[in-house]
C-alpha atoms as a PDB file:
ATOM      1  CA  MET A   1      63.879 351.150 145.138  1.00  0.00           C
ATOM      2  CA  GLU A   2      61.755 348.147 146.454  1.00  0.00           C
ATOM      3  CA  THR A   3      58.606 347.567 146.564  1.00  0.00           C
ATOM      4  CA  ASN A   4      56.694 345.815 149.204  1.00  0.00           C
ATOM      5  CA  GLN A   5      54.251 343.376 147.305  1.00  0.00           C
ATOM      6  CA  SER A   6      52.456 342.288 150.589  1.00  0.00           C
ATOM      7  CA  ASN A   7      50.727 345.120 150.374  1.00  0.00           C
ATOM      8  CA  PRO A   8      50.048 345.984 146.167  1.00  0.00           C
ATOM      9  CA  ILE A   9      47.644 349.057 146.379  1.00  0.00           C
ATOM     10  CA  SER A  10      43.844 349.772 143.240  1.00  0.00           C
ATOM     11  CA  TYR A  11      42.308 351.913 142.849  1.00  0.00           C
ATOM     12  CA  GLU A  12      38.511 352.503 141.602  1.00  0.00           C
ATOM     13  CA  ARG A  13      37.877 355.586 138.956  1.00  0.00           C
ATOM     14  CA  HIS A  14      34.454 357.115 140.090  1.00  0.00           C
ATOM     15  CA  GLY A  15      33.658 359.482 137.206  1.00  0.00           C
ATOM     16  CA  ASN A  16      36.897 362.196 137.793  1.00  0.00           C
ATOM     17  CA  LEU A  17      37.960 361.282 141.161  1.00  0.00           C
ATOM     18  CA  ILE A  18      39.912 357.905 141.934  1.00  0.00           C
ATOM     19  CA  TYR A  19      39.983 355.986 145.417  1.00  0.00           C
ATOM     20  CA  CYS A  20      43.456 355.238 146.328  1.00  0.00           C
ATOM     21  CA  TYR A  21      43.883 352.050 148.510  1.00  0.00           C
ATOM     22  CA  LEU A  22      45.663 349.779 150.124  1.00  0.00           C
ATOM     23  CA  GLU A  23      44.959 345.722 149.823  1.00  0.00           C
ATOM     24  CA  GLN A  24      45.451 344.610 153.518  1.00  0.00           C
ATOM     25  CA  SER A  25      45.362 340.703 154.661  1.00  0.00           C
ATOM     26  CA  GLY A  26      41.817 338.904 154.734  1.00  0.00           C
ATOM     27  CA  GLY A  27      40.209 341.032 151.190  1.00  0.00           C
ATOM     28  CA  LYS A  28      39.761 344.172 152.994  1.00  0.00           C
ATOM     29  CA  ARG A  29      41.043 347.246 152.169  1.00  0.00           C
ATOM     30  CA  LYS A  30      42.071 350.481 153.072  1.00  0.00           C
ATOM     31  CA  LEU A  31      41.283 354.311 151.231  1.00  0.00           C
ATOM     32  CA  ILE A  32      44.052 355.986 151.584  1.00  0.00           C
ATOM     33  CA  GLY A  33      43.482 359.283 150.051  1.00  0.00           C
ATOM     34  CA  VAL A  34      40.993 360.319 146.523  1.00  0.00           C
ATOM     35  CA  ILE A  35      42.356 362.029 143.495  1.00  0.00           C
ATOM     36  CA  ASN A  36      40.236 364.773 141.691  1.00  0.00           C
ATOM     37  CA  GLU A  37      41.876 364.773 137.813  1.00  0.00           C
ATOM     38  CA  SER A  38      39.260 367.505 136.998  1.00  0.00           C
ATOM     39  CA  THR A  39      41.317 369.901 139.884  1.00  0.00           C
ATOM     40  CA  GLY A  40      45.176 368.185 139.986  1.00  0.00           C
ATOM     41  CA  HIS A  41      43.817 367.380 143.980  1.00  0.00           C
ATOM     42  CA  LEU A  42      44.554 364.903 145.308  1.00  0.00           C
ATOM     43  CA  GLN A  43      43.348 364.394 149.402  1.00  0.00           C
ATOM     44  CA  LYS A  44      44.842 362.278 151.406  1.00  0.00           C
ATOM     45  CA  ASN A  45      43.735 359.984 154.601  1.00  0.00           C
ATOM     46  CA  ILE A  46      45.538 360.076 157.734  1.00  0.00           C
ATOM     47  CA  ALA A  47      44.234 358.154 160.691  1.00  0.00           C
ATOM     48  CA  THR A  48      45.652 360.634 163.735  1.00  0.00           C
ATOM     49  CA  THR A  49      44.962 358.064 165.790  1.00  0.00           C
ATOM     50  CA  ALA A  50      47.052 355.477 164.924  1.00  0.00           C
ATOM     51  CA  HIS A  51      50.138 357.901 164.135  1.00  0.00           C
ATOM     52  CA  PHE A  52      49.835 360.634 165.972  1.00  0.00           C
ATOM     53  CA  GLN A  53      50.188 360.434 170.419  1.00  0.00           C
ATOM     54  CA  LYS A  54      49.353 363.033 172.472  1.00  0.00           C
ATOM     55  CA  ILE A  55      51.673 365.183 174.178  1.00  0.00           C
END
């Protein structure tokens, strides 16, 4: 399995929450999800305007 090193993933911890980011060019970061360690839940962020077309 190959990994794309041009857009690495980073994270920040705030208590029991772990914020996962995709590092983008120009020093920008995009939030891609939040993991709640106390409940074991993952909240995934999807920009519907970027990924879905109107029918």
